[in-house]
PDB file of all heavy atoms in Angstrom:
ATOM      1  N   ILE A   1       8.622-177.879 106.542  1.00  0.00           N
ATOM      2  CA  ILE A   1       9.591-179.001 106.246  1.00  0.00           C
ATOM      3  C   ILE A   1      10.832-178.378 105.460  1.00  0.00           C
ATOM      4  O   ILE A   1      11.940-178.861 105.703  1.00  0.00           O
ATOM      5  CB  ILE A   1       8.868-180.052 105.403  1.00  0.00           C
ATOM      6  CG1 ILE A   1       7.914-180.904 106.286  1.00  0.00           C
ATOM      7  CG2 ILE A   1       9.962-181.026 104.852  1.00  0.00           C
ATOM      8  CD1 ILE A   1       7.104-181.873 105.646  1.00  0.00           C
ATOM      9  N   ASP A   2      10.555-177.395 104.559  1.00  0.00           N
ATOM     10  CA  ASP A   2      11.610-176.776 103.687  1.00  0.00           C
ATOM     11  C   ASP A   2      12.569-176.177 104.777  1.00  0.00           C
ATOM     12  O   ASP A   2      13.836-176.147 104.550  1.00  0.00           O
ATOM     13  CB  ASP A   2      11.149-175.788 102.805  1.00  0.00           C
ATOM     14  CG  ASP A   2      12.157-175.103 101.889  1.00  0.00           C
ATOM     15  OD1 ASP A   2      12.582-175.894 101.076  1.00  0.00           O
ATOM     16  OD2 ASP A   2      12.445-173.856 102.176  1.00  0.00           O
ATOM     17  N   GLN A   3      12.116-175.469 105.694  1.00  0.00           N
ATOM     18  CA  GLN A   3      13.012-174.818 106.764  1.00  0.00           C
ATOM     19  C   GLN A   3      13.806-175.902 107.477  1.00  0.00           C
ATOM     20  O   GLN A   3      14.945-175.621 107.824  1.00  0.00           O
ATOM     21  CB  GLN A   3      12.196-174.057 107.748  1.00  0.00           C
ATOM     22  CG  GLN A   3      11.602-172.772 107.140  1.00  0.00           C
ATOM     23  CD  GLN A   3      10.957-171.810 108.215  1.00  0.00           C
ATOM     24  OE1 GLN A   3      10.970-172.165 109.387  1.00  0.00           O
ATOM     25  NE2 GLN A   3      10.313-170.790 107.798  1.00  0.00           N
ATOM     26  N   VAL A   4      13.166-177.041 107.807  1.00  0.00           N
ATOM     27  CA  VAL A   4      14.003-178.144 108.531  1.00  0.00           C
ATOM     28  C   VAL A   4      15.005-178.702 107.595  1.00  0.00           C
ATOM     29  O   VAL A   4      16.152-178.930 107.987  1.00  0.00           O
ATOM     30  CB  VAL A   4      13.050-179.198 108.973  1.00  0.00           C
ATOM     31  CG1 VAL A   4      13.735-180.347 109.630  1.00  0.00           C
ATOM     32  CG2 VAL A   4      12.033-178.755 110.001  1.00  0.00           C
ATOM     33  N   VAL A   5      14.613-178.884 106.384  1.00  0.00           N
ATOM     34  CA  VAL A   5      15.575-179.520 105.452  1.00  0.00           C
ATOM     35  C   VAL A   5      16.910-178.513 105.209  1.00  0.00           C
ATOM     36  O   VAL A   5      18.013-179.021 105.086  1.00  0.00           O
ATOM     37  CB  VAL A   5      14.975-179.714 103.996  1.00  0.00           C
ATOM     38  CG1 VAL A   5      15.959-180.010 102.911  1.00  0.00           C
ATOM     39  CG2 VAL A   5      13.882-180.786 104.064  1.00  0.00           C
ATOM     40  N   ASN A   6      16.572-177.260 105.142  1.00  0.00           N
ATOM     41  CA  ASN A   6      17.593-176.293 104.879  1.00  0.00           C
ATOM     42  C   ASN A   6      18.223-175.666 106.126  1.00  0.00           C
ATOM     43  O   ASN A   6      18.968-174.670 106.028  1.00  0.00           O
ATOM     44  CB  ASN A   6      17.144-175.152 103.905  1.00  0.00           C
ATOM     45  CG  ASN A   6      16.776-175.810 102.536  1.00  0.00           C
ATOM     46  OD1 ASN A   6      17.663-176.237 101.747  1.00  0.00           O
ATOM     47  ND2 ASN A   6      15.563-175.769 102.161  1.00  0.00           N
ATOM     48  N   GLN A   7      17.673-176.130 107.310  1.00  0.00           N
ATOM     49  CA  GLN A   7      18.114-175.595 108.671  1.00  0.00           C
ATOM     50  C   GLN A   7      17.995-174.109 108.661  1.00  0.00           C
ATOM     51  O   GLN A   7      18.919-173.327 109.034  1.00  0.00           O
ATOM     52  CB  GLN A   7      19.507-176.095 108.878  1.00  0.00           C
ATOM     53  CG  GLN A   7      19.590-177.533 109.076  1.00  0.00           C
ATOM     54  CD  GLN A   7      20.982-177.995 109.652  1.00  0.00           C
ATOM     55  OE1 GLN A   7      22.013-177.393 109.331  1.00  0.00           O
ATOM     56  NE2 GLN A   7      20.958-179.055 110.370  1.00  0.00           N
ATOM     57  N   VAL A   8      16.796-173.580 108.304  1.00  0.00           N
ATOM     58  CA  VAL A   8      16.488-172.146 108.319  1.00  0.00           C
ATOM     59  C   VAL A   8      15.729-171.827 109.651  1.00  0.00           C
ATOM     60  O   VAL A   8      14.744-172.385 109.947  1.00  0.00           O
ATOM     61  CB  VAL A   8      15.673-171.736 107.035  1.00  0.00           C
ATOM     62  CG1 VAL A   8      15.374-170.210 107.189  1.00  0.00           C
ATOM     63  CG2 VAL A   8      16.520-171.981 105.805  1.00  0.00           C
ATOM     64  N   GLY A   9      16.228-170.789 110.303  1.00  0.00           N
ATOM     65  CA  GLY A   9      15.544-170.251 111.494  1.00  0.00           C
ATOM     66  C   GLY A   9      15.610-171.286 112.639  1.00  0.00           C
ATOM     67  O   GLY A   9      16.165-172.328 112.734  1.00  0.00           O
ATOM     68  N   THR A  10      14.858-170.932 113.732  1.00  0.00           N
ATOM     69  CA  THR A  10      14.814-171.771 114.925  1.00  0.00           C
ATOM     70  C   THR A  10      14.148-173.080 114.694  1.00  0.00           C
ATOM     71  O   THR A  10      14.680-174.091 115.243  1.00  0.00           O
ATOM     72  CB  THR A  10      13.955-171.067 116.003  1.00  0.00           C
ATOM     73  OG1 THR A  10      14.473-169.699 116.251  1.00  0.00           O
ATOM     74  CG2 THR A  10      13.948-171.810 117.371  1.00  0.00           C
ATOM     75  N   LEU A  11      13.027-173.115 113.976  1.00  0.00           N
ATOM     76  CA  LEU A  11      12.448-174.419 113.629  1.00  0.00           C
ATOM     77  C   LEU A  11      13.334-175.336 112.822  1.00  0.00           C
ATOM     78  O   LEU A  11      13.482-176.511 113.089  1.00  0.00           O
ATOM     79  CB  LEU A  11      11.185-174.147 112.909  1.00  0.00           C
ATOM     80  CG  LEU A  11      10.310-175.392 112.567  1.00  0.00           C
ATOM     81  CD1 LEU A  11       9.691-176.052 113.879  1.00  0.00           C
ATOM     82  CD2 LEU A  11       9.154-175.063 111.669  1.00  0.00           C
ATOM     83  N   GLY A  12      14.039-174.784 111.815  1.00  0.00           N
ATOM     84  CA  GLY A  12      15.019-175.441 111.017  1.00  0.00           C
ATOM     85  C   GLY A  12      16.063-176.067 111.690  1.00  0.00           C
ATOM     86  O   GLY A  12      16.621-177.147 111.584  1.00  0.00           O
ATOM     87  N   ALA A  13      16.663-175.236 112.711  1.00  0.00           N
ATOM     88  CA  ALA A  13      17.865-175.656 113.348  1.00  0.00           C
ATOM     89  C   ALA A  13      17.560-176.596 114.478  1.00  0.00           C
ATOM     90  O   ALA A  13      18.352-177.540 114.719  1.00  0.00           O
ATOM     91  CB  ALA A  13      18.474-174.430 113.980  1.00  0.00           C
ATOM     92  N   ASN A  14      16.396-176.513 115.210  1.00  0.00           N
ATOM     93  CA  ASN A  14      16.138-177.288 116.375  1.00  0.00           C
ATOM     94  C   ASN A  14      15.045-178.274 116.259  1.00  0.00           C
ATOM     95  O   ASN A  14      14.790-179.054 117.055  1.00  0.00           O
ATOM     96  CB  ASN A  14      15.781-176.410 117.622  1.00  0.00           C
ATOM     97  CG  ASN A  14      16.859-175.400 117.856  1.00  0.00           C
ATOM     98  OD1 ASN A  14      17.981-175.699 117.945  1.00  0.00           O
ATOM     99  ND2 ASN A  14      16.489-174.178 118.144  1.00  0.00           N
ATOM    100  N   GLY A  15      14.267-178.255 115.123  1.00  0.00           N
ATOM    101  CA  GLY A  15      13.125-179.187 114.894  1.00  0.00           C
ATOM    102  C   GLY A  15      11.985-178.892 115.838  1.00  0.00           C
ATOM    103  O   GLY A  15      11.956-177.714 116.309  1.00  0.00           O
ATOM    104  N   LEU A  16      11.105-179.839 115.959  1.00  0.00           N
ATOM    105  CA  LEU A  16       9.922-179.611 116.721  1.00  0.00           C
ATOM    106  C   LEU A  16      10.298-179.690 118.268  1.00  0.00           C
ATOM    107  O   LEU A  16      10.495-180.746 118.715  1.00  0.00           O
ATOM    108  CB  LEU A  16       8.902-180.646 116.359  1.00  0.00           C
ATOM    109  CG  LEU A  16       7.540-180.466 117.083  1.00  0.00           C
ATOM    110  CD1 LEU A  16       6.878-179.125 116.701  1.00  0.00           C
ATOM    111  CD2 LEU A  16       6.514-181.556 116.517  1.00  0.00           C
ATOM    112  N   ARG A  17      10.231-178.587 119.034  1.00  0.00           N
ATOM    113  CA  ARG A  17      10.464-178.607 120.448  1.00  0.00           C
ATOM    114  C   ARG A  17       9.169-178.274 121.230  1.00  0.00           C
ATOM    115  O   ARG A  17       8.984-178.804 122.307  1.00  0.00           O
ATOM    116  CB  ARG A  17      11.486-177.567 120.751  1.00  0.00           C
ATOM    117  CG  ARG A  17      12.860-177.764 120.106  1.00  0.00           C
ATOM    118  CD  ARG A  17      13.782-176.569 120.506  1.00  0.00           C
ATOM    119  NE  ARG A  17      13.219-175.283 120.107  1.00  0.00           N
ATOM    120  CZ  ARG A  17      13.599-174.187 120.559  1.00  0.00           C
ATOM    121  NH1 ARG A  17      14.704-174.126 121.429  1.00  0.00           N
ATOM    122  NH2 ARG A  17      13.079-172.994 120.277  1.00  0.00           N
ATOM    123  N   ASP A  18       8.417-177.380 120.717  1.00  0.00           N
ATOM    124  CA  ASP A  18       7.244-176.828 121.424  1.00  0.00           C
ATOM    125  C   ASP A  18       6.177-176.745 120.386  1.00  0.00           C
ATOM    126  O   ASP A  18       5.980-175.860 119.561  1.00  0.00           O
ATOM    127  CB  ASP A  18       7.499-175.504 122.012  1.00  0.00           C
ATOM    128  CG  ASP A  18       6.469-175.095 123.010  1.00  0.00           C
ATOM    129  OD1 ASP A  18       5.314-175.469 122.794  1.00  0.00           O
ATOM    130  OD2 ASP A  18       6.772-174.266 123.902  1.00  0.00           O
ATOM    131  N   VAL A  19       5.083-177.643 120.482  1.00  0.00           N
ATOM    132  CA  VAL A  19       3.955-177.807 119.490  1.00  0.00           C
ATOM    133  C   VAL A  19       3.229-176.386 119.461  1.00  0.00           C
ATOM    134  O   VAL A  19       3.056-175.859 118.364  1.00  0.00           O
ATOM    135  CB  VAL A  19       3.017-178.852 119.846  1.00  0.00           C
ATOM    136  CG1 VAL A  19       1.830-178.837 118.961  1.00  0.00           C
ATOM    137  CG2 VAL A  19       3.752-180.193 119.578  1.00  0.00           C
ATOM    138  N   PRO A  20       2.812-175.805 120.504  1.00  0.00           N
ATOM    139  CA  PRO A  20       2.130-174.516 120.405  1.00  0.00           C
ATOM    140  C   PRO A  20       2.965-173.385 119.719  1.00  0.00           C
ATOM    141  O   PRO A  20       2.302-172.473 119.203  1.00  0.00           O
ATOM    142  CB  PRO A  20       1.722-174.148 121.896  1.00  0.00           C
ATOM    143  CG  PRO A  20       1.770-175.453 122.534  1.00  0.00           C
ATOM    144  CD  PRO A  20       2.816-176.283 121.965  1.00  0.00           C
ATOM    145  N   LEU A  21       4.242-173.547 119.885  1.00  0.00           N
ATOM    146  CA  LEU A  21       5.077-172.359 119.368  1.00  0.00           C
ATOM    147  C   LEU A  21       5.582-172.729 117.891  1.00  0.00           C
ATOM    148  O   LEU A  21       6.209-171.804 117.373  1.00  0.00           O
ATOM    149  CB  LEU A  21       6.360-172.291 120.263  1.00  0.00           C
ATOM    150  CG  LEU A  21       6.405-171.155 121.267  1.00  0.00           C
ATOM    151  CD1 LEU A  21       7.798-171.178 121.956  1.00  0.00           C
ATOM    152  CD2 LEU A  21       6.121-169.815 120.665  1.00  0.00           C
ATOM    153  N   ALA A  22       5.295-173.852 117.396  1.00  0.00           N
ATOM    154  CA  ALA A  22       5.875-174.209 116.160  1.00  0.00           C
ATOM    155  C   ALA A  22       5.583-173.290 114.932  1.00  0.00           C
ATOM    156  O   ALA A  22       6.494-172.859 114.276  1.00  0.00           O
ATOM    157  CB  ALA A  22       5.487-175.649 115.691  1.00  0.00           C
ATOM    158  N   MET A  23       4.339-172.887 114.918  1.00  0.00           N
ATOM    159  CA  MET A  23       3.905-171.982 113.794  1.00  0.00           C
ATOM    160  C   MET A  23       4.607-170.611 113.921  1.00  0.00           C
ATOM    161  O   MET A  23       5.055-170.050 112.940  1.00  0.00           O
ATOM    162  CB  MET A  23       2.412-171.776 113.765  1.00  0.00           C
ATOM    163  CG  MET A  23       2.003-170.735 112.820  1.00  0.00           C
ATOM    164  SD  MET A  23       0.143-170.490 112.612  1.00  0.00           S
ATOM    165  CE  MET A  23      -0.311-171.991 111.864  1.00  0.00           C
ATOM    166  N   PHE A  24       4.777-170.080 115.151  1.00  0.00           N
ATOM    167  CA  PHE A  24       5.376-168.819 115.420  1.00  0.00           C
ATOM    168  C   PHE A  24       6.945-168.864 115.183  1.00  0.00           C
ATOM    169  O   PHE A  24       7.467-167.881 114.597  1.00  0.00           O
ATOM    170  CB  PHE A  24       5.033-168.293 116.803  1.00  0.00           C
ATOM    171  CG  PHE A  24       3.618-168.164 117.107  1.00  0.00           C
ATOM    172  CD1 PHE A  24       2.982-169.116 117.859  1.00  0.00           C
ATOM    173  CD2 PHE A  24       2.878-167.125 116.601  1.00  0.00           C
ATOM    174  CE1 PHE A  24       1.654-169.129 118.183  1.00  0.00           C
ATOM    175  CE2 PHE A  24       1.538-167.052 116.780  1.00  0.00           C
ATOM    176  CZ  PHE A  24       0.889-167.961 117.625  1.00  0.00           C
ATOM    177  N   GLU A  25       7.499-169.968 115.384  1.00  0.00           N
ATOM    178  CA  GLU A  25       8.973-170.162 115.118  1.00  0.00           C
ATOM    179  C   GLU A  25       9.122-170.196 113.551  1.00  0.00           C
ATOM    180  O   GLU A  25      10.121-169.681 113.018  1.00  0.00           O
ATOM    181  CB  GLU A  25       9.420-171.464 115.766  1.00  0.00           C
ATOM    182  CG  GLU A  25       9.577-171.369 117.194  1.00  0.00           C
ATOM    183  CD  GLU A  25      10.083-172.701 117.832  1.00  0.00           C
ATOM    184  OE1 GLU A  25      10.029-173.679 117.189  1.00  0.00           O
ATOM    185  OE2 GLU A  25      10.513-172.558 118.973  1.00  0.00           O
ATOM    186  N   MET A  26       8.231-170.853 112.826  1.00  0.00           N
ATOM    187  CA  MET A  26       8.350-170.814 111.348  1.00  0.00           C
ATOM    188  C   MET A  26       8.226-169.365 110.860  1.00  0.00           C
ATOM    189  O   MET A  26       8.930-168.997 109.923  1.00  0.00           O
ATOM    190  CB  MET A  26       7.245-171.727 110.752  1.00  0.00           C
ATOM    191  CG  MET A  26       7.411-171.751 109.253  1.00  0.00           C
ATOM    192  SD  MET A  26       5.908-172.581 108.420  1.00  0.00           S
ATOM    193  CE  MET A  26       4.822-171.216 108.448  1.00  0.00           C
ATOM    194  N   PHE A  27       7.182-168.582 111.383  1.00  0.00           N
ATOM    195  CA  PHE A  27       7.026-167.157 110.884  1.00  0.00           C
ATOM    196  C   PHE A  27       8.327-166.414 111.158  1.00  0.00           C
ATOM    197  O   PHE A  27       8.533-165.479 110.398  1.00  0.00           O
ATOM    198  CB  PHE A  27       5.846-166.617 111.622  1.00  0.00           C
ATOM    199  CG  PHE A  27       4.549-167.115 111.155  1.00  0.00           C
ATOM    200  CD1 PHE A  27       3.382-167.013 112.044  1.00  0.00           C
ATOM    201  CD2 PHE A  27       4.320-167.604 109.942  1.00  0.00           C
ATOM    202  CE1 PHE A  27       2.211-167.502 111.651  1.00  0.00           C
ATOM    203  CE2 PHE A  27       3.115-168.217 109.559  1.00  0.00           C
ATOM    204  CZ  PHE A  27       2.055-168.026 110.426  1.00  0.00           C
ATOM    205  N   ASP A  28       8.987-166.667 112.235  1.00  0.00           N
ATOM    206  CA  ASP A  28      10.256-165.846 112.583  1.00  0.00           C
ATOM    207  C   ASP A  28      11.266-165.841 111.378  1.00  0.00           C
ATOM    208  O   ASP A  28      11.943-164.818 111.251  1.00  0.00           O
ATOM    209  CB  ASP A  28      10.927-166.324 113.838  1.00  0.00           C
ATOM    210  CG  ASP A  28      10.196-166.069 115.087  1.00  0.00           C
ATOM    211  OD1 ASP A  28       9.359-165.072 115.063  1.00  0.00           O
ATOM    212  OD2 ASP A  28      10.451-166.612 116.118  1.00  0.00           O
ATOM    213  N   ALA A  29      11.288-166.877 110.670  1.00  0.00           N
ATOM    214  CA  ALA A  29      12.295-166.977 109.614  1.00  0.00           C
ATOM    215  C   ALA A  29      11.713-166.450 108.344  1.00  0.00           C
ATOM    216  O   ALA A  29      12.503-166.424 107.293  1.00  0.00           O
ATOM    217  CB  ALA A  29      12.634-168.446 109.327  1.00  0.00           C
ATOM    218  N   LEU A  30      10.588-165.843 108.251  1.00  0.00           N
ATOM    219  CA  LEU A  30       9.994-165.259 107.039  1.00  0.00           C
ATOM    220  C   LEU A  30       9.996-163.770 107.180  1.00  0.00           C
ATOM    221  O   LEU A  30       9.943-163.216 108.221  1.00  0.00           O
ATOM    222  CB  LEU A  30       8.544-165.769 106.791  1.00  0.00           C
ATOM    223  CG  LEU A  30       8.408-167.248 106.716  1.00  0.00           C
ATOM    224  CD1 LEU A  30       6.832-167.629 106.695  1.00  0.00           C
ATOM    225  CD2 LEU A  30       9.146-167.822 105.484  1.00  0.00           C
ATOM    226  N   PRO A  31      10.015-163.117 106.028  1.00  0.00           N
ATOM    227  CA  PRO A  31       9.765-161.589 106.090  1.00  0.00           C
ATOM    228  C   PRO A  31       8.425-161.325 106.643  1.00  0.00           C
ATOM    229  O   PRO A  31       7.422-162.009 106.507  1.00  0.00           O
ATOM    230  CB  PRO A  31       9.868-161.247 104.539  1.00  0.00           C
ATOM    231  CG  PRO A  31      10.571-162.339 103.868  1.00  0.00           C
ATOM    232  CD  PRO A  31      10.335-163.508 104.627  1.00  0.00           C
ATOM    233  N   MET A  32       8.355-160.197 107.322  1.00  0.00           N
ATOM    234  CA  MET A  32       7.094-159.785 108.009  1.00  0.00           C
ATOM    235  C   MET A  32       6.620-160.823 109.110  1.00  0.00           C
ATOM    236  O   MET A  32       5.473-160.942 109.332  1.00  0.00           O
ATOM    237  CB  MET A  32       5.917-159.492 107.063  1.00  0.00           C
ATOM    238  CG  MET A  32       6.249-158.351 106.021  1.00  0.00           C
ATOM    239  SD  MET A  32       4.771-157.934 105.081  1.00  0.00           S
ATOM    240  CE  MET A  32       4.442-159.468 104.144  1.00  0.00           C
ATOM    241  N   GLY A  33       7.607-161.443 109.657  1.00  0.00           N
ATOM    242  CA  GLY A  33       7.186-162.593 110.618  1.00  0.00           C
ATOM    243  C   GLY A  33       6.421-162.059 111.826  1.00  0.00           C
ATOM    244  O   GLY A  33       5.553-162.820 112.215  1.00  0.00           O
ATOM    245  N   THR A  34       6.758-160.962 112.277  1.00  0.00           N
ATOM    246  CA  THR A  34       6.028-160.409 113.457  1.00  0.00           C
ATOM    247  C   THR A  34       4.570-160.117 113.084  1.00  0.00           C
ATOM    248  O   THR A  34       3.659-160.467 113.896  1.00  0.00           O
ATOM    249  CB  THR A  34       6.642-159.038 113.960  1.00  0.00           C
ATOM    250  OG1 THR A  34       8.026-159.352 114.350  1.00  0.00           O
ATOM    251  CG2 THR A  34       5.801-158.588 115.255  1.00  0.00           C
ATOM    252  N   LEU A  35       4.401-159.539 111.897  1.00  0.00           N
ATOM    253  CA  LEU A  35       2.992-159.346 111.433  1.00  0.00           C
ATOM    254  C   LEU A  35       2.226-160.586 111.301  1.00  0.00           C
ATOM    255  O   LEU A  35       0.976-160.718 111.614  1.00  0.00           O
ATOM    256  CB  LEU A  35       3.087-158.496 110.127  1.00  0.00           C
ATOM    257  CG  LEU A  35       1.626-158.291 109.411  1.00  0.00           C
ATOM    258  CD1 LEU A  35       0.695-157.504 110.165  1.00  0.00           C
ATOM    259  CD2 LEU A  35       1.812-157.661 107.908  1.00  0.00           C
ATOM    260  N   LEU A  36       2.849-161.525 110.735  1.00  0.00           N
ATOM    261  CA  LEU A  36       2.147-162.877 110.547  1.00  0.00           C
ATOM    262  C   LEU A  36       1.790-163.491 111.899  1.00  0.00           C
ATOM    263  O   LEU A  36       0.699-164.079 112.045  1.00  0.00           O
ATOM    264  CB  LEU A  36       3.077-163.814 109.782  1.00  0.00           C
ATOM    265  CG  LEU A  36       3.460-163.489 108.311  1.00  0.00           C
ATOM    266  CD1 LEU A  36       4.497-164.472 107.798  1.00  0.00           C
ATOM    267  CD2 LEU A  36       2.173-163.467 107.398  1.00  0.00           C
ATOM    268  N   SER A  37       2.683-163.332 112.849  1.00  0.00           N
ATOM    269  CA  SER A  37       2.432-163.905 114.163  1.00  0.00           C
ATOM    270  C   SER A  37       1.218-163.216 114.851  1.00  0.00           C
ATOM    271  O   SER A  37       0.404-163.801 115.478  1.00  0.00           O
ATOM    272  CB  SER A  37       3.666-163.798 115.036  1.00  0.00           C
ATOM    273  OG  SER A  37       4.657-164.661 114.610  1.00  0.00           O
ATOM    274  N   ILE A  38       1.214-161.898 114.708  1.00  0.00           N
ATOM    275  CA  ILE A  38       0.010-161.035 115.214  1.00  0.00           C
ATOM    276  C   ILE A  38      -1.293-161.472 114.621  1.00  0.00           C
ATOM    277  O   ILE A  38      -2.238-161.828 115.349  1.00  0.00           O
ATOM    278  CB  ILE A  38       0.235-159.584 115.064  1.00  0.00           C
ATOM    279  CG1 ILE A  38       1.448-159.098 115.883  1.00  0.00           C
ATOM    280  CG2 ILE A  38      -0.994-158.750 115.407  1.00  0.00           C
ATOM    281  CD1 ILE A  38       1.873-157.611 115.600  1.00  0.00           C
ATOM    282  N   ILE A  39      -1.338-161.645 113.302  1.00  0.00           N
ATOM    283  CA  ILE A  39      -2.495-162.165 112.551  1.00  0.00           C
ATOM    284  C   ILE A  39      -2.866-163.541 113.125  1.00  0.00           C
ATOM    285  O   ILE A  39      -4.065-163.829 113.351  1.00  0.00           O
ATOM    286  CB  ILE A  39      -2.335-162.145 111.093  1.00  0.00           C
ATOM    287  CG1 ILE A  39      -2.043-160.713 110.564  1.00  0.00           C
ATOM    288  CG2 ILE A  39      -3.500-162.788 110.397  1.00  0.00           C
ATOM    289  CD1 ILE A  39      -1.776-160.719 109.065  1.00  0.00           C
ATOM    290  N   ALA A  40      -1.913-164.440 113.314  1.00  0.00           N
ATOM    291  CA  ALA A  40      -2.161-165.761 113.769  1.00  0.00           C
ATOM    292  C   ALA A  40      -2.731-165.777 115.133  1.00  0.00           C
ATOM    293  O   ALA A  40      -3.721-166.539 115.368  1.00  0.00           O
ATOM    294  CB  ALA A  40      -0.891-166.631 113.773  1.00  0.00           C
TER     295      ALA A  40
END
């Protein structure tokens, strides 16, 4: 929600477009996003 409010990253800019991808789009805007996605 913080990313949406501040329009950070893909999720923040576009909102919810693809439910299965939502978590990975959130990770993209964070440091170590690729590592977080692999763990997920």
